[in-house]
Amino acid sequence: MTTSKAPTLRALRHFIAVALVTFCPTSSTTFLAAQVQRATIEGTVTDTTGLPVPRASVDVHDTATNQHRLVITGDAGHFIVPNLASSTYTIRVELFGFTPFEQPDIPLS
């Protein structure tokens, strides 16, 4: 009997973390500048052969606050998780039939 091994996901081939600075005017006469650092995680999920993996779930977990953001990859395996606070994150990618992929300790600032 031959056992088959589930293919693994190779996630975040294109990993981008971009810090954004926001300027928030409060009225037309008085301005209050608030600098809020936010980041975006963006990537493409591929299988071991390099083909994109559509409809995979991507869980972005803020380890400091225990908050999760869940997105699903598009037809080309691409995903974007915007507006993340500065923190340390773990990313977990799952899809039925594939071995889950997890990347811990991703610092965003």
Protein backbone atom coordinates (compact mmCIF):
# COMPACT_ATOMS: atom_id res chain seq x y z
CA MET A 1 0.00 0.00 0.00
CA THR A 2 1.31 3.45 -0.90
CA THR A 3 0.62 6.42 1.30
CA SER A 4 0.27 9.83 -0.25
CA LYS A 5 1.55 12.92 1.44
CA ALA A 6 -0.55 16.07 1.27
CA PRO A 7 1.10 18.88 -0.68
CA THR A 8 2.38 21.76 1.43
CA LEU A 9 1.60 25.43 1.00
CA ARG A 10 4.44 27.82 0.40
CA ALA A 11 2.94 31.07 1.58
CA LEU A 12 3.99 34.66 1.43
CA ARG A 13 6.23 34.43 -1.61
CA HIS A 14 5.77 38.13 -1.92
CA PHE A 15 5.70 39.42 1.63
CA ILE A 16 5.26 43.13 2.00
CA ALA A 17 4.92 45.02 5.24
CA VAL A 18 4.42 48.72 4.70
CA ALA A 19 4.06 51.19 7.53
CA LEU A 20 1.60 53.97 6.78
CA VAL A 21 1.35 57.35 8.43
CA THR A 22 -2.09 58.97 8.57
CA PHE A 23 -2.86 62.69 8.94
CA CYS A 24 -6.33 63.36 10.37
CA PRO A 25 -7.75 66.91 10.12
CA THR A 26 -10.47 67.51 12.74
CA SER A 27 -12.02 70.69 11.27
CA SER A 28 -11.42 73.34 8.63
CA THR A 29 -9.96 75.85 11.12
CA THR A 30 -8.15 73.66 13.63
CA PHE A 31 -6.07 70.69 12.65
CA LEU A 32 -4.95 67.90 14.89
CA ALA A 33 -2.20 65.77 13.43
CA ALA A 34 -2.39 62.19 14.59
CA GLN A 35 0.25 59.80 13.46
CA VAL A 36 -1.01 56.26 13.48
CA GLN A 37 1.34 53.58 12.28
CA ARG A 38 -0.43 50.92 10.30
CA ALA A 39 0.90 48.11 8.18
CA THR A 40 -0.28 45.84 5.39
CA ILE A 41 0.57 42.20 4.87
CA GLU A 42 0.25 41.15 1.26
CA GLY A 43 1.30 37.96 -0.44
CA THR A 44 0.66 35.10 -2.81
CA VAL A 45 0.04 31.54 -1.64
CA THR A 46 1.57 28.89 -3.89
CA ASP A 47 1.91 25.13 -3.72
CA THR A 48 5.21 23.24 -3.86
CA THR A 49 5.21 23.41 -7.67
CA GLY A 50 4.80 27.20 -7.65
CA LEU A 51 1.18 27.24 -8.80
CA PRO A 52 -1.15 29.72 -7.06
CA VAL A 53 -3.57 28.36 -4.47
CA PRO A 54 -7.01 30.01 -4.70
CA ARG A 55 -9.55 29.99 -1.86
CA ALA A 56 -6.98 29.28 0.89
CA SER A 57 -7.72 30.83 4.27
CA VAL A 58 -5.06 33.18 5.61
CA ASP A 59 -5.29 33.87 9.35
CA VAL A 60 -3.24 36.84 10.56
CA HIS A 61 -2.97 36.62 14.35
CA ASP A 62 -1.78 39.53 16.51
CA THR A 63 0.04 37.67 19.28
CA ALA A 64 -0.06 40.65 21.67
CA THR A 65 -3.83 41.19 21.55
CA ASN A 66 -4.93 37.71 20.43
CA GLN A 67 -6.96 39.29 17.61
CA HIS A 68 -7.35 37.44 14.30
CA ARG A 69 -7.97 38.74 10.78
CA LEU A 70 -9.09 36.10 8.30
CA VAL A 71 -8.96 36.57 4.52
CA ILE A 72 -9.36 34.18 1.59
CA THR A 73 -6.93 34.12 -1.33
CA GLY A 74 -8.25 35.11 -4.75
CA ASP A 75 -8.10 33.14 -7.98
CA ALA A 76 -4.39 33.96 -8.37
CA GLY A 77 -3.61 32.99 -4.75
CA HIS A 78 -3.16 36.65 -3.78
CA PHE A 79 -4.25 38.16 -0.47
CA ILE A 80 -4.07 41.55 1.28
CA VAL A 81 -4.57 42.27 4.98
CA PRO A 82 -4.51 46.08 5.43
CA ASN A 83 -4.67 48.39 8.43
CA LEU A 84 -2.72 46.27 10.91
CA ALA A 85 -1.40 47.82 14.12
CA SER A 86 2.29 47.68 14.94
CA SER A 87 2.78 44.34 16.68
CA THR A 88 4.10 40.83 16.17
CA TYR A 89 2.00 38.50 14.04
CA THR A 90 1.68 34.83 13.18
CA ILE A 91 0.31 33.91 9.77
CA ARG A 92 -1.38 30.55 9.21
CA VAL A 93 -2.50 29.37 5.76
CA GLU A 94 -4.91 26.44 5.38
CA LEU A 95 -6.83 24.70 2.63
CA PHE A 96 -8.46 21.27 2.68
CA GLY A 97 -6.14 18.70 1.10
CA PHE A 98 -2.97 20.68 1.89
CA THR A 99 -0.68 20.62 4.91
CA PRO A 100 -1.18 23.90 6.83
CA PHE A 101 1.61 26.47 6.72
CA GLU A 102 2.48 28.71 9.67
CA GLN A 103 4.96 31.58 9.89
CA PRO A 104 5.37 32.92 13.45
CA ASP A 105 7.06 36.03 14.82
CA ILE A 106 6.51 38.54 12.01
CA PRO A 107 7.22 42.01 13.42
CA LEU A 108 5.34 44.97 11.90
CA SER A 109 6.19 48.50 12.87
